[in-house]
C-alpha atoms as a PDB file:
ATOM      1  CA  MET A   1       7.827  -2.782   7.932  1.00  0.00           C
ATOM      2  CA  SER A   2       5.128  -4.213   5.828  1.00  0.00           C
ATOM      3  CA  THR A   3       1.524  -2.362   5.677  1.00  0.00           C
ATOM      4  CA  THR A   4      -1.674  -3.403   4.178  1.00  0.00           C
ATOM      5  CA  SER A   5      -5.235  -1.975   4.487  1.00  0.00           C
ATOM      6  CA  VAL A   6      -8.602  -3.674   4.791  1.00  0.00           C
ATOM      7  CA  LYS A   7     -11.939  -1.640   4.055  1.00  0.00           C
ATOM      8  CA  THR A   8     -15.270  -3.001   4.450  1.00  0.00           C
ATOM      9  CA  LYS A   9     -18.732  -1.238   3.561  1.00  0.00           C
ATOM     10  CA  ILE A  10     -20.783  -0.550   6.528  1.00  0.00           C
ATOM     11  CA  PRO A  11     -24.253  -1.708   5.917  1.00  0.00           C
ATOM     12  CA  ALA A  12     -27.036   0.873   5.392  1.00  0.00           C
ATOM     13  CA  GLY A  13     -28.917   1.782   8.722  1.00  0.00           C
ATOM     14  CA  LEU A  14     -25.786   1.110  10.701  1.00  0.00           C
ATOM     15  CA  SER A  15     -24.641   4.214  12.491  1.00  0.00           C
ATOM     16  CA  THR A  16     -20.939   5.190  13.274  1.00  0.00           C
ATOM     17  CA  GLN A  17     -21.977   5.094  16.802  1.00  0.00           C
ATOM     18  CA  GLN A  18     -22.977   1.595  16.688  1.00  0.00           C
ATOM     19  CA  VAL A  19     -19.817   0.618  14.799  1.00  0.00           C
ATOM     20  CA  ILE A  20     -17.546   2.505  17.441  1.00  0.00           C
ATOM     21  CA  ALA A  21     -19.416   1.116  20.525  1.00  0.00           C
ATOM     22  CA  THR A  22     -18.545  -2.481  18.983  1.00  0.00           C
ATOM     23  CA  LEU A  23     -14.887  -1.567  18.241  1.00  0.00           C
ATOM     24  CA  HIS A  24     -14.753  -0.311  21.929  1.00  0.00           C
ATOM     25  CA  ASN A  25     -16.176  -3.728  23.112  1.00  0.00           C
ATOM     26  CA  HIS A  26     -12.929  -5.436  23.981  1.00  0.00           C
ATOM     27  CA  GLU A  27     -14.570  -9.066  24.444  1.00  0.00           C
ATOM     28  CA  LEU A  28     -16.009  -8.595  21.113  1.00  0.00           C
ATOM     29  CA  MET A  29     -12.973  -7.429  19.592  1.00  0.00           C
ATOM     30  CA  ILE A  30     -10.822 -10.219  20.979  1.00  0.00           C
ATOM     31  CA  LYS A  31     -13.418 -13.092  19.608  1.00  0.00           C
ATOM     32  CA  ALA A  32     -13.405 -11.416  16.075  1.00  0.00           C
ATOM     33  CA  LEU A  33      -9.880 -10.998  15.996  1.00  0.00           C
ATOM     34  CA  CYS A  34      -8.825 -14.304  17.476  1.00  0.00           C
ATOM     35  CA  PRO A  35     -11.144 -16.900  15.707  1.00  0.00           C
ATOM     36  CA  ALA A  36      -9.155 -19.988  17.136  1.00  0.00           C
ATOM     37  CA  LEU A  37      -9.415 -18.258  20.755  1.00  0.00           C
ATOM     38  CA  VAL A  38      -8.544 -20.972  23.374  1.00  0.00           C
ATOM     39  CA  SER A  39      -8.374 -18.348  26.353  1.00  0.00           C
ATOM     40  CA  HIS A  40      -7.660 -14.727  27.149  1.00  0.00           C
ATOM     41  CA  LYS A  41      -7.159 -12.941  30.241  1.00  0.00           C
ATOM     42  CA  LEU A  42      -6.853  -9.399  31.024  1.00  0.00           C
ATOM     43  CA  GLU A  43      -3.262  -8.557  32.323  1.00  0.00           C
ATOM     44  CA  SER A  44      -3.433  -4.869  33.019  1.00  0.00           C
ATOM     45  CA  GLY A  45      -5.591  -1.430  32.235  1.00  0.00           C
ATOM     46  CA  ASP A  46      -9.127  -0.790  31.905  1.00  0.00           C
ATOM     47  CA  PRO A  47     -11.182  -2.413  29.221  1.00  0.00           C
ATOM     48  CA  SER A  48     -13.100   0.855  29.009  1.00  0.00           C
ATOM     49  CA  THR A  49     -10.107   2.855  27.678  1.00  0.00           C
ATOM     50  CA  GLU A  50      -6.674   0.662  27.082  1.00  0.00           C
ATOM     51  CA  ALA A  51      -5.977  -2.570  28.267  1.00  0.00           C
ATOM     52  CA  VAL A  52      -3.357  -5.528  27.762  1.00  0.00           C
ATOM     53  CA  TYR A  53      -4.545  -9.082  27.297  1.00  0.00           C
ATOM     54  CA  SER A  54      -2.886 -12.330  27.332  1.00  0.00           C
ATOM     55  CA  VAL A  55      -4.189 -14.296  24.476  1.00  0.00           C
ATOM     56  CA  THR A  56      -3.885 -18.070  23.563  1.00  0.00           C
ATOM     57  CA  ASP A  57      -4.771 -19.186  20.168  1.00  0.00           C
ATOM     58  CA  LYS A  58      -4.783 -22.509  18.465  1.00  0.00           C
ATOM     59  CA  LYS A  59      -2.314 -22.869  15.465  1.00  0.00           C
ATOM     60  CA  PRO A  60      -1.420 -25.445  12.987  1.00  0.00           C
ATOM     61  CA  ILE A  61       1.359 -26.587  15.250  1.00  0.00           C
ATOM     62  CA  GLY A  62      -0.273 -26.025  18.614  1.00  0.00           C
ATOM     63  CA  GLN A  63      -1.200 -23.170  20.773  1.00  0.00           C
ATOM     64  CA  THR A  64       0.617 -19.799  20.941  1.00  0.00           C
ATOM     65  CA  THR A  65       0.166 -17.169  23.601  1.00  0.00           C
ATOM     66  CA  TYR A  66       0.875 -13.398  22.747  1.00  0.00           C
ATOM     67  CA  LYS A  67       0.250  -9.896  24.173  1.00  0.00           C
ATOM     68  CA  LEU A  68      -2.624  -8.014  22.569  1.00  0.00           C
ATOM     69  CA  THR A  69      -3.425  -4.027  23.421  1.00  0.00           C
ATOM     70  CA  LEU A  70      -6.393  -2.680  22.716  1.00  0.00           C
ATOM     71  CA  THR A  71      -6.657   1.287  23.144  1.00  0.00           C
ATOM     72  CA  ASN A  72      -9.970   3.083  22.412  1.00  0.00           C
ATOM     73  CA  VAL A  73      -9.847   6.176  20.611  1.00  0.00           C
ATOM     74  CA  THR A  74     -12.666   8.458  19.839  1.00  0.00           C
ATOM     75  CA  ASP A  75     -13.081   7.460  15.956  1.00  0.00           C
ATOM     76  CA  GLY A  76     -12.315   3.541  16.490  1.00  0.00           C
ATOM     77  CA  VAL A  77      -9.653   1.561  18.327  1.00  0.00           C
ATOM     78  CA  ASN A  78      -5.998   0.652  17.787  1.00  0.00           C
ATOM     79  CA  SER A  79      -4.920  -3.002  18.344  1.00  0.00           C
ATOM     80  CA  LEU A  80      -1.204  -4.153  18.794  1.00  0.00           C
ATOM     81  CA  VAL A  81      -0.130  -7.718  19.026  1.00  0.00           C
ATOM     82  CA  ASN A  82       3.434  -8.464  20.321  1.00  0.00           C
ATOM     83  CA  ALA A  83       4.103 -12.377  19.646  1.00  0.00           C
ATOM     84  CA  LYS A  84       7.301 -14.323  19.818  1.00  0.00           C
ATOM     85  CA  PRO A  85       7.039 -17.036  17.342  1.00  0.00           C
ATOM     86  CA  PRO A  86       9.741 -19.648  17.149  1.00  0.00           C
ATOM     87  CA  VAL A  87      11.713 -17.646  15.005  1.00  0.00           C
ATOM     88  CA  GLY A  88      12.190 -13.805  16.149  1.00  0.00           C
ATOM     89  CA  THR A  89       9.570 -11.440  17.129  1.00  0.00           C
ATOM     90  CA  LEU A  90       6.389 -10.253  15.474  1.00  0.00           C
ATOM     91  CA  THR A  91       4.462  -7.038  16.057  1.00  0.00           C
ATOM     92  CA  ILE A  92       1.168  -6.180  14.249  1.00  0.00           C
ATOM     93  CA  ALA A  93      -0.182  -2.760  14.772  1.00  0.00           C
ATOM     94  CA  GLY A  94      -3.839  -2.074  13.970  1.00  0.00           C
ATOM     95  CA  LYS A  95      -5.764   1.328  13.571  1.00  0.00           C
ATOM     96  CA  TRP A  96      -9.635   0.432  13.084  1.00  0.00           C
ATOM     97  CA  ARG A  97     -11.220   3.584  11.960  1.00  0.00           C
ATOM     98  CA  ILE A  98     -14.733   4.867  10.451  1.00  0.00           C
ATOM     99  CA  GLU A  99     -14.131   6.612   7.155  1.00  0.00           C
ATOM    100  CA  GLY A 100     -17.258   7.662   5.603  1.00  0.00           C
ATOM    101  CA  ASP A 101     -19.313   4.500   5.139  1.00  0.00           C
ATOM    102  CA  MET A 102     -16.559   2.296   5.319  1.00  0.00           C
ATOM    103  CA  LEU A 103     -14.785   0.281   8.165  1.00  0.00           C
ATOM    104  CA  THR A 104     -11.089   0.701   7.704  1.00  0.00           C
ATOM    105  CA  GLU A 105      -8.082  -1.011   9.036  1.00  0.00           C
ATOM    106  CA  ASP A 106      -4.752   0.132   8.463  1.00  0.00           C
ATOM    107  CA  VAL A 107      -2.137  -2.374   9.687  1.00  0.00           C
ATOM    108  CA  ASP A 108       1.660  -2.228  10.346  1.00  0.00           C
ATOM    109  CA  ILE A 109       3.585  -5.786  10.611  1.00  0.00           C
ATOM    110  CA  ASP A 110       6.996  -5.719  11.731  1.00  0.00           C
ATOM    111  CA  GLY A 111       9.273  -8.877  12.142  1.00  0.00           C
ATOM    112  CA  ASN A 112      11.749 -10.864  10.093  1.00  0.00           C
ATOM    113  CA  PHE A 113      11.134 -11.210   6.502  1.00  0.00           C
ATOM    114  CA  MET A 114       9.688 -14.580   6.816  1.00  0.00           C
ATOM    115  CA  MET A 115       7.065 -13.719   9.786  1.00  0.00           C
ATOM    116  CA  LYS A 116       6.229 -10.204   7.920  1.00  0.00           C
ATOM    117  CA  LYS A 117       5.235 -12.337   4.673  1.00  0.00           C
ATOM    118  CA  MET A 118       3.260 -15.005   6.618  1.00  0.00           C
ATOM    119  CA  ALA A 119       1.309 -12.482   8.799  1.00  0.00           C
ATOM    120  CA  LYS A 120       0.587 -10.179   5.628  1.00  0.00           C
ATOM    121  CA  GLY A 121      -1.014 -13.112   4.007  1.00  0.00           C
ATOM    122  CA  ASN A 122      -3.044 -14.029   7.227  1.00  0.00           C
ATOM    123  CA  VAL A 123      -4.193 -10.245   7.392  1.00  0.00           C
ATOM    124  CA  ASP A 124      -5.141 -10.220   3.860  1.00  0.00           C
ATOM    125  CA  SER A 125      -7.150 -13.473   4.015  1.00  0.00           C
ATOM    126  CA  THR A 126      -8.828 -13.399   7.499  1.00  0.00           C
ATOM    127  CA  HIS A 127      -9.236  -9.685   8.238  1.00  0.00           C
ATOM    128  CA  PRO A 128     -12.081  -8.927   5.945  1.00  0.00           C
ATOM    129  CA  LYS A 129     -14.260 -11.890   7.805  1.00  0.00           C
ATOM    130  CA  GLN A 130     -13.280 -10.101  10.940  1.00  0.00           C
ATOM    131  CA  HIS A 131     -14.628  -6.945   9.657  1.00  0.00           C
ATOM    132  CA  GLU A 132     -17.931  -8.686   8.653  1.00  0.00           C
ATOM    133  CA  LEU A 133     -18.136 -10.386  12.245  1.00  0.00           C
ATOM    134  CA  LEU A 134     -17.756  -6.953  13.975  1.00  0.00           C
ATOM    135  CA  LEU A 135     -20.211  -5.216  11.699  1.00  0.00           C
ATOM    136  CA  GLN A 136     -22.614  -8.213  12.224  1.00  0.00           C
ATOM    137  CA  GLU A 137     -22.300  -7.520  16.117  1.00  0.00           C
ATOM    138  CA  ALA A 138     -22.823  -3.810  15.834  1.00  0.00           C
ATOM    139  CA  GLN A 139     -26.409  -4.406  14.263  1.00  0.00           C
ATOM    140  CA  LYS A 140     -27.243  -6.318  17.166  1.00  0.00           C
ATOM    141  CA  ALA A 141     -26.583  -3.540  19.514  1.00  0.00           C
END
């Protein structure tokens, strides 16, 4: 399993409650986590607590559809991606939390060597922007 963390400073004047409310908003989370979003559909659950979505994204080689589970917890949200790329499976589990004045995302990636390496590179390069988008949405609340 490969792990990585992404941390972003929460802007002054933005409350913990505003950030957590944004993390608990599954529509905003999906739009932030999936910048190449084609579509998404609620598969099961309750978006106010825990829900499973079918998400379709654009990729360089076409479109891919995977399951995304979002679970609201008191101090943030847990995300779980279950994907079936052309070679094997890929699981990306994230824990989004407020730690002091930081939005912290701890990510565990599981899959074959190639998929883990590619997914980790993607998380390291794209997730800081996702944090910024979520914090911008929190400021609007």
